[in-house]
Amino acid sequence: MYYGIGVIRQTKRPCVFMGLITKEEFSDLSIIRRIRNEFAHQYKSLSFSNNDIHNRILSLNYSKGKSIEGSGKDKFSIVALALFIVFVQVIGSFLLLPNNLSLV
């Protein structure tokens, strides 16, 4: 089964509402989406040292209180991968529930 950016975008609000992900995880997924979109839709050269990108990376909740070594790109990659794994596990377990079971 494929879990792309569209699935994440469409399902993160319901996941917060149902308590499957935290508000902080929701916020981080939104920040990651915005950073990704900036790189994908800019005609000019962008880097992780750009002030706007760097500040968004610093605002990620997942990295607060954790010692993540490396550049802004490294931090972004580590946080994005960790949240993606959590999100895929949550969505995967939700999608694999038998039809006669519910989460509430």
C-alpha atoms as a PDB file:
ATOM      1  CA  MET A   1       0.000   0.000   0.000  1.00  0.00           C
ATOM      2  CA  TYR A   2       1.298   3.472  -0.916  1.00  0.00           C
ATOM      3  CA  TYR A   3       1.264   6.346   1.581  1.00  0.00           C
ATOM      4  CA  GLY A   4       2.108   9.555  -0.242  1.00  0.00           C
ATOM      5  CA  ILE A   5       2.055  13.215   0.650  1.00  0.00           C
ATOM      6  CA  GLY A   6      -1.612  13.448  -0.365  1.00  0.00           C
ATOM      7  CA  VAL A   7      -2.641  10.762   2.126  1.00  0.00           C
ATOM      8  CA  ILE A   8      -0.805  12.560   4.905  1.00  0.00           C
ATOM      9  CA  ARG A   9      -2.330  15.916   3.978  1.00  0.00           C
ATOM     10  CA  GLN A  10      -5.867  14.524   3.868  1.00  0.00           C
ATOM     11  CA  THR A  11      -5.701  12.428   7.017  1.00  0.00           C
ATOM     12  CA  LYS A  12      -3.714  14.404   9.572  1.00  0.00           C
ATOM     13  CA  ARG A  13      -6.637  16.528  10.835  1.00  0.00           C
ATOM     14  CA  PRO A  14      -8.905  13.515  11.428  1.00  0.00           C
ATOM     15  CA  CYS A  15      -5.986  11.778  13.157  1.00  0.00           C
ATOM     16  CA  VAL A  16      -5.652  14.657  15.619  1.00  0.00           C
ATOM     17  CA  PHE A  17      -9.408  14.715  16.144  1.00  0.00           C
ATOM     18  CA  MET A  18      -9.434  10.977  16.925  1.00  0.00           C
ATOM     19  CA  GLY A  19      -6.370  11.274  19.168  1.00  0.00           C
ATOM     20  CA  LEU A  20      -4.158   9.161  16.911  1.00  0.00           C
ATOM     21  CA  ILE A  21      -1.480  11.853  16.648  1.00  0.00           C
ATOM     22  CA  THR A  22      -0.746  14.791  18.938  1.00  0.00           C
ATOM     23  CA  LYS A  23      -1.245  18.459  18.096  1.00  0.00           C
ATOM     24  CA  GLU A  24       2.533  18.808  18.140  1.00  0.00           C
ATOM     25  CA  GLU A  25       2.924  16.024  15.573  1.00  0.00           C
ATOM     26  CA  PHE A  26       0.213  17.683  13.467  1.00  0.00           C
ATOM     27  CA  SER A  27       2.079  20.980  13.680  1.00  0.00           C
ATOM     28  CA  ASP A  28       5.383  19.358  12.723  1.00  0.00           C
ATOM     29  CA  LEU A  29       3.792  17.589   9.744  1.00  0.00           C
ATOM     30  CA  SER A  30       2.412  20.954   8.591  1.00  0.00           C
ATOM     31  CA  ILE A  31       5.825  22.616   8.941  1.00  0.00           C
ATOM     32  CA  ILE A  32       7.507  19.792   7.041  1.00  0.00           C
ATOM     33  CA  ARG A  33       4.882  20.074   4.288  1.00  0.00           C
ATOM     34  CA  ARG A  34       5.497  23.832   3.997  1.00  0.00           C
ATOM     35  CA  ILE A  35       9.279  23.373   3.818  1.00  0.00           C
ATOM     36  CA  ARG A  36       8.892  20.645   1.203  1.00  0.00           C
ATOM     37  CA  ASN A  37       6.560  22.862  -0.855  1.00  0.00           C
ATOM     38  CA  GLU A  38       8.997  25.766  -0.743  1.00  0.00           C
ATOM     39  CA  PHE A  39      11.715  23.585  -2.230  1.00  0.00           C
ATOM     40  CA  ALA A  40       9.374  22.007  -4.763  1.00  0.00           C
ATOM     41  CA  HIS A  41       7.782  25.215  -6.057  1.00  0.00           C
ATOM     42  CA  GLN A  42      10.581  27.796  -5.959  1.00  0.00           C
ATOM     43  CA  TYR A  43      12.305  28.826  -9.159  1.00  0.00           C
ATOM     44  CA  LYS A  44      15.176  30.421  -7.283  1.00  0.00           C
ATOM     45  CA  SER A  45      17.866  28.477  -5.485  1.00  0.00           C
ATOM     46  CA  LEU A  46      16.965  27.553  -1.901  1.00  0.00           C
ATOM     47  CA  SER A  47      18.984  25.924   0.843  1.00  0.00           C
ATOM     48  CA  PHE A  48      18.446  24.768   4.382  1.00  0.00           C
ATOM     49  CA  SER A  49      20.552  27.717   5.556  1.00  0.00           C
ATOM     50  CA  ASN A  50      17.901  30.139   4.230  1.00  0.00           C
ATOM     51  CA  ASN A  51      16.567  32.135   7.223  1.00  0.00           C
ATOM     52  CA  ASP A  52      12.898  31.198   6.688  1.00  0.00           C
ATOM     53  CA  ILE A  53      13.710  27.504   6.241  1.00  0.00           C
ATOM     54  CA  HIS A  54      16.122  27.511   9.176  1.00  0.00           C
ATOM     55  CA  ASN A  55      13.559  29.157  11.484  1.00  0.00           C
ATOM     56  CA  ARG A  56      10.904  26.645  10.490  1.00  0.00           C
ATOM     57  CA  ILE A  57      13.275  23.792  11.267  1.00  0.00           C
ATOM     58  CA  LEU A  58      13.970  25.331  14.684  1.00  0.00           C
ATOM     59  CA  SER A  59      10.219  25.523  15.334  1.00  0.00           C
ATOM     60  CA  LEU A  60       9.726  21.757  14.907  1.00  0.00           C
ATOM     61  CA  ASN A  61       8.353  20.381  18.173  1.00  0.00           C
ATOM     62  CA  TYR A  62       9.943  16.959  17.742  1.00  0.00           C
ATOM     63  CA  SER A  63      13.472  18.335  17.950  1.00  0.00           C
ATOM     64  CA  LYS A  64      12.851  20.486  21.033  1.00  0.00           C
ATOM     65  CA  GLY A  65      14.640  19.047  24.036  1.00  0.00           C
ATOM     66  CA  LYS A  66      16.496  16.512  21.883  1.00  0.00           C
ATOM     67  CA  SER A  67      20.085  16.739  20.845  1.00  0.00           C
ATOM     68  CA  ILE A  68      19.994  16.240  17.094  1.00  0.00           C
ATOM     69  CA  GLU A  69      23.434  16.723  15.648  1.00  0.00           C
ATOM     70  CA  GLY A  70      24.157  18.034  12.192  1.00  0.00           C
ATOM     71  CA  SER A  71      23.043  20.662   9.748  1.00  0.00           C
ATOM     72  CA  GLY A  72      19.551  22.035   9.259  1.00  0.00           C
ATOM     73  CA  LYS A  73      19.094  19.535   6.451  1.00  0.00           C
ATOM     74  CA  ASP A  74      20.095  16.680   8.786  1.00  0.00           C
ATOM     75  CA  LYS A  75      17.650  17.832  11.467  1.00  0.00           C
ATOM     76  CA  PHE A  76      14.862  18.239   8.933  1.00  0.00           C
ATOM     77  CA  SER A  77      15.527  14.752   7.525  1.00  0.00           C
ATOM     78  CA  ILE A  78      15.617  13.077  10.946  1.00  0.00           C
ATOM     79  CA  VAL A  79      12.411  14.756  12.160  1.00  0.00           C
ATOM     80  CA  ALA A  80      10.588  14.190   8.863  1.00  0.00           C
ATOM     81  CA  LEU A  81      11.542  10.506   8.796  1.00  0.00           C
ATOM     82  CA  ALA A  82      10.599   9.942  12.437  1.00  0.00           C
ATOM     83  CA  LEU A  83       7.201  11.593  11.998  1.00  0.00           C
ATOM     84  CA  PHE A  84       6.577   9.830   8.714  1.00  0.00           C
ATOM     85  CA  ILE A  85       7.195   6.457  10.381  1.00  0.00           C
ATOM     86  CA  VAL A  86       4.826   7.325  13.233  1.00  0.00           C
ATOM     87  CA  PHE A  87       2.189   8.579  10.818  1.00  0.00           C
ATOM     88  CA  VAL A  88       2.407   5.561   8.518  1.00  0.00           C
ATOM     89  CA  GLN A  89       2.091   3.231  11.507  1.00  0.00           C
ATOM     90  CA  VAL A  90      -0.979   5.099  12.752  1.00  0.00           C
ATOM     91  CA  ILE A  91      -2.642   5.262   9.339  1.00  0.00           C
ATOM     92  CA  GLY A  92      -1.600   1.721   8.470  1.00  0.00           C
ATOM     93  CA  SER A  93      -3.069   0.289  11.639  1.00  0.00           C
ATOM     94  CA  PHE A  94      -6.240   2.333  11.137  1.00  0.00           C
ATOM     95  CA  LEU A  95      -6.657   1.219   7.518  1.00  0.00           C
ATOM     96  CA  LEU A  96      -6.047  -2.417   8.411  1.00  0.00           C
ATOM     97  CA  LEU A  97      -8.787  -2.596  11.051  1.00  0.00           C
ATOM     98  CA  PRO A  98     -11.470  -5.170  10.235  1.00  0.00           C
ATOM     99  CA  ASN A  99     -14.743  -3.587   9.110  1.00  0.00           C
ATOM    100  CA  ASN A 100     -16.564  -4.588  12.304  1.00  0.00           C
ATOM    101  CA  LEU A 101     -14.121  -2.751  14.613  1.00  0.00           C
ATOM    102  CA  SER A 102     -13.976   0.919  15.387  1.00  0.00           C
ATOM    103  CA  LEU A 103     -11.511   3.115  17.241  1.00  0.00           C
ATOM    104  CA  VAL A 104     -14.157   4.682  19.500  1.00  0.00           C
END
